[in-house]
Each structure stands twice: as structure tokens, then as C-alpha cells.
C-alpha atoms as a PDB file:
ATOM      1  CA  MET A   1       0.000   0.000   0.000  1.00  0.00           C
ATOM      2  CA  ASP A   2       1.170   3.526  -0.779  1.00  0.00           C
ATOM      3  CA  ARG A   3       2.500   5.455   2.251  1.00  0.00           C
ATOM      4  CA  ILE A   4       0.122   8.363   1.575  1.00  0.00           C
ATOM      5  CA  ALA A   5      -2.852   5.995   1.612  1.00  0.00           C
ATOM      6  CA  THR A   6      -1.508   4.325   4.744  1.00  0.00           C
ATOM      7  CA  PHE A   7      -1.263   7.626   6.614  1.00  0.00           C
ATOM      8  CA  LYS A   8      -4.748   8.609   5.463  1.00  0.00           C
ATOM      9  CA  SER A   9      -6.153   5.307   6.731  1.00  0.00           C
ATOM     10  CA  PHE A  10      -4.430   5.875  10.104  1.00  0.00           C
ATOM     11  CA  ILE A  11      -5.989   9.355  10.245  1.00  0.00           C
ATOM     12  CA  ASP A  12      -9.426   7.914   9.484  1.00  0.00           C
ATOM     13  CA  ARG A  13      -9.032   5.279  12.198  1.00  0.00           C
ATOM     14  CA  ASN A  14      -7.731   7.636  14.866  1.00  0.00           C
ATOM     15  CA  PRO A  15      -8.553  11.271  14.036  1.00  0.00           C
ATOM     16  CA  LYS A  16      -7.543  12.475  17.519  1.00  0.00           C
ATOM     17  CA  ASP A  17      -3.915  11.396  17.053  1.00  0.00           C
ATOM     18  CA  PRO A  18      -1.704  14.106  15.504  1.00  0.00           C
ATOM     19  CA  PHE A  19       1.118  11.756  14.524  1.00  0.00           C
ATOM     20  CA  PRO A  20      -0.435  10.249  11.357  1.00  0.00           C
ATOM     21  CA  ARG A  21      -1.197  13.770  10.099  1.00  0.00           C
ATOM     22  CA  TYR A  22       2.411  14.722  10.770  1.00  0.00           C
ATOM     23  CA  GLY A  23       3.552  11.601   8.927  1.00  0.00           C
ATOM     24  CA  LEU A  24       1.347  12.491   5.960  1.00  0.00           C
ATOM     25  CA  ALA A  25       2.771  16.009   5.809  1.00  0.00           C
ATOM     26  CA  MET A  26       6.328  14.695   6.069  1.00  0.00           C
ATOM     27  CA  GLU A  27       5.725  12.112   3.344  1.00  0.00           C
ATOM     28  CA  HIS A  28       4.545  14.851   0.983  1.00  0.00           C
ATOM     29  CA  LYS A  29       7.558  16.974   1.949  1.00  0.00           C
ATOM     30  CA  THR A  30       9.944  14.077   1.336  1.00  0.00           C
ATOM     31  CA  ARG A  31       8.426  13.553  -2.098  1.00  0.00           C
ATOM     32  CA  GLY A  32       8.917  17.234  -2.921  1.00  0.00           C
ATOM     33  CA  GLU A  33       5.160  17.839  -2.959  1.00  0.00           C
ATOM     34  CA  LEU A  34       5.560  21.045  -1.003  1.00  0.00           C
ATOM     35  CA  GLU A  35       2.108  22.527  -1.579  1.00  0.00           C
ATOM     36  CA  LEU A  36       0.503  19.272  -0.448  1.00  0.00           C
ATOM     37  CA  ALA A  37       2.879  19.144   2.521  1.00  0.00           C
ATOM     38  CA  TRP A  38       1.947  22.694   3.512  1.00  0.00           C
ATOM     39  CA  ALA A  39      -1.762  21.861   3.234  1.00  0.00           C
ATOM     40  CA  ALA A  40      -1.247  18.866   5.534  1.00  0.00           C
ATOM     41  CA  PHE A  41       0.758  20.986   7.987  1.00  0.00           C
ATOM     42  CA  GLN A  42      -2.011  23.614   7.971  1.00  0.00           C
ATOM     43  CA  ASP A  43      -4.544  20.924   8.825  1.00  0.00           C
ATOM     44  CA  LEU A  44      -2.312  19.672  11.611  1.00  0.00           C
ATOM     45  CA  LEU A  45      -1.776  23.187  12.993  1.00  0.00           C
ATOM     46  CA  SER A  46      -5.487  23.939  12.960  1.00  0.00           C
ATOM     47  CA  GLN A  47      -6.439  20.741  14.787  1.00  0.00           C
ATOM     48  CA  PHE A  48      -3.401  20.188  17.021  1.00  0.00           C
ATOM     49  CA  ALA A  49      -1.832  23.591  17.649  1.00  0.00           C
ATOM     50  CA  ASP A  50       0.123  22.208  20.607  1.00  0.00           C
ATOM     51  CA  TYR A  51       1.898  19.491  18.584  1.00  0.00           C
ATOM     52  CA  VAL A  52       5.368  21.017  18.755  1.00  0.00           C
ATOM     53  CA  PRO A  53       7.181  19.047  15.993  1.00  0.00           C
ATOM     54  CA  THR A  54       4.884  20.558  13.388  1.00  0.00           C
ATOM     55  CA  TYR A  55       6.291  24.060  13.636  1.00  0.00           C
ATOM     56  CA  LEU A  56       9.875  23.407  12.548  1.00  0.00           C
ATOM     57  CA  MET A  57       8.871  21.249   9.578  1.00  0.00           C
ATOM     58  CA  ALA A  58       5.996  23.525   8.532  1.00  0.00           C
ATOM     59  CA  GLY A  59       8.305  26.551   8.661  1.00  0.00           C
ATOM     60  CA  GLY A  60      10.901  24.711   6.602  1.00  0.00           C
ATOM     61  CA  THR A  61       8.266  23.824   4.030  1.00  0.00           C
ATOM     62  CA  LEU A  62       7.217  27.455   3.740  1.00  0.00           C
ATOM     63  CA  THR A  63      10.855  28.504   3.396  1.00  0.00           C
ATOM     64  CA  ALA A  64      11.312  25.987   0.578  1.00  0.00           C
ATOM     65  CA  LEU A  65       8.219  27.473  -1.078  1.00  0.00           C
ATOM     66  CA  GLY A  66       9.829  30.925  -0.901  1.00  0.00           C
ATOM     67  CA  ARG A  67       7.352  32.161   1.713  1.00  0.00           C
ATOM     68  CA  SER A  68       9.861  33.423   4.276  1.00  0.00           C
ATOM     69  CA  ALA A  69       7.592  35.855   6.113  1.00  0.00           C
ATOM     70  CA  GLU A  70       5.012  33.128   6.692  1.00  0.00           C
ATOM     71  CA  ALA A  71       7.777  30.742   7.781  1.00  0.00           C
ATOM     72  CA  ALA A  72       8.984  33.316  10.323  1.00  0.00           C
ATOM     73  CA  ASP A  73       5.455  33.563  11.700  1.00  0.00           C
ATOM     74  CA  ILE A  74       5.212  29.775  12.047  1.00  0.00           C
ATOM     75  CA  TYR A  75       8.616  29.567  13.726  1.00  0.00           C
ATOM     76  CA  GLY A  76       7.606  32.337  16.139  1.00  0.00           C
ATOM     77  CA  ARG A  77       4.352  30.601  16.986  1.00  0.00           C
ATOM     78  CA  GLY A  78       6.323  27.406  17.494  1.00  0.00           C
ATOM     79  CA  VAL A  79       8.679  29.105  19.950  1.00  0.00           C
ATOM     80  CA  THR A  80       5.647  30.168  21.979  1.00  0.00           C
ATOM     81  CA  VAL A  81       4.092  26.689  21.953  1.00  0.00           C
ATOM     82  CA  ALA A  82       7.384  24.950  22.752  1.00  0.00           C
ATOM     83  CA  THR A  83       7.926  27.330  25.670  1.00  0.00           C
ATOM     84  CA  GLN A  84       4.413  26.670  26.975  1.00  0.00           C
ATOM     85  CA  ARG A  85       4.965  22.916  26.700  1.00  0.00           C
ATOM     86  CA  GLY A  86       8.363  23.082  28.399  1.00  0.00           C
ATOM     87  CA  ASP A  87      10.180  21.739  25.331  1.00  0.00           C
ATOM     88  CA  SER A  88      13.445  23.673  25.487  1.00  0.00           C
ATOM     89  CA  HIS A  89      15.111  21.551  22.793  1.00  0.00           C
ATOM     90  CA  ALA A  90      12.403  22.302  20.218  1.00  0.00           C
ATOM     91  CA  ARG A  91      12.327  25.949  21.316  1.00  0.00           C
ATOM     92  CA  GLY A  92      16.071  26.190  20.638  1.00  0.00           C
ATOM     93  CA  GLU A  93      15.702  24.617  17.185  1.00  0.00           C
ATOM     94  CA  LEU A  94      12.861  26.987  16.318  1.00  0.00           C
ATOM     95  CA  GLU A  95      14.771  30.029  17.575  1.00  0.00           C
ATOM     96  CA  THR A  96      17.767  28.994  15.458  1.00  0.00           C
ATOM     97  CA  ALA A  97      15.598  28.535  12.363  1.00  0.00           C
ATOM     98  CA  LEU A  98      14.002  31.929  12.959  1.00  0.00           C
ATOM     99  CA  ALA A  99      17.395  33.603  13.444  1.00  0.00           C
ATOM    100  CA  GLU A 100      18.701  32.040  10.219  1.00  0.00           C
ATOM    101  CA  LEU A 101      15.655  33.290   8.364  1.00  0.00           C
ATOM    102  CA  THR A 102      15.721  36.827   9.784  1.00  0.00           C
ATOM    103  CA  PRO A 103      18.629  38.183   7.656  1.00  0.00           C
ATOM    104  CA  SER A 104      16.831  37.265   4.437  1.00  0.00           C
ATOM    105  CA  LEU A 105      13.647  38.904   5.713  1.00  0.00           C
ATOM    106  CA  ASP A 106      15.585  42.061   6.609  1.00  0.00           C
ATOM    107  CA  SER A 107      17.083  42.284   3.122  1.00  0.00           C
ATOM    108  CA  GLN A 108      13.653  41.767   1.538  1.00  0.00           C
ATOM    109  CA  ALA A 109      12.210  44.606   3.630  1.00  0.00           C
ATOM    110  CA  ARG A 110      14.919  47.111   2.662  1.00  0.00           C
ATOM    111  CA  PRO A 111      14.197  49.268  -0.385  1.00  0.00           C
ATOM    112  CA  GLN A 112      16.606  48.744  -3.231  1.00  0.00           C
END
């Protein structure tokens, strides 16, 4: 069975578990199906906003799509959620990703 179909069947069987949705999003990302990955991450964020792993991967997907400002927003939201959940490791990863993204955002904001 196709991995996408497998993840979808897991979601259907246990819709209150965020992990299969995360797996679906990551499978799309791995395949280079970035728009589909982002759609799956959006679904995950809307239903499980406290699922910390989502934020780093969703932000990275947006960055790959060239949507840096949106990625920065996702990373920032992730820092807040990770802090609330006491996940200092994830918070550090998200802060690093945000810091790496910030110089490109600054150069985009400056008039040429």
C-alpha cells in the first residue's frame, strides 16, 4: 500500500492522534510535494496547535516554497508553543531557524 494511503487510513481510524497527520505532511515533503505538505501541515496546525514538531517542519516547508515571512510567523508561533509545553530543545531549534531566516527577511524589507 502507498504510504500516503496508509497515513490517510491511520488518520481515518484515529482522528484524535496528531502523529499520522504529521507523517502524511512529512511524506509529501519528502516527495517534494511542497504545496501538499503545507496543506497537511495547515490541517495539523489547525487541529493540534500544541503538537510542537509541526512548527519546525511547517516553517521549513514554507521557506522551501519561498514564503519566508510566513515561515517566520510559524517559527515564532512554534517558539511560543514549545515554551508553553516546556520543550526547550524544540524551542532552541525553532529560535535557530528563525534567526537564520531573519537576515533574508531584513534584506527583503529594505528598499533597493
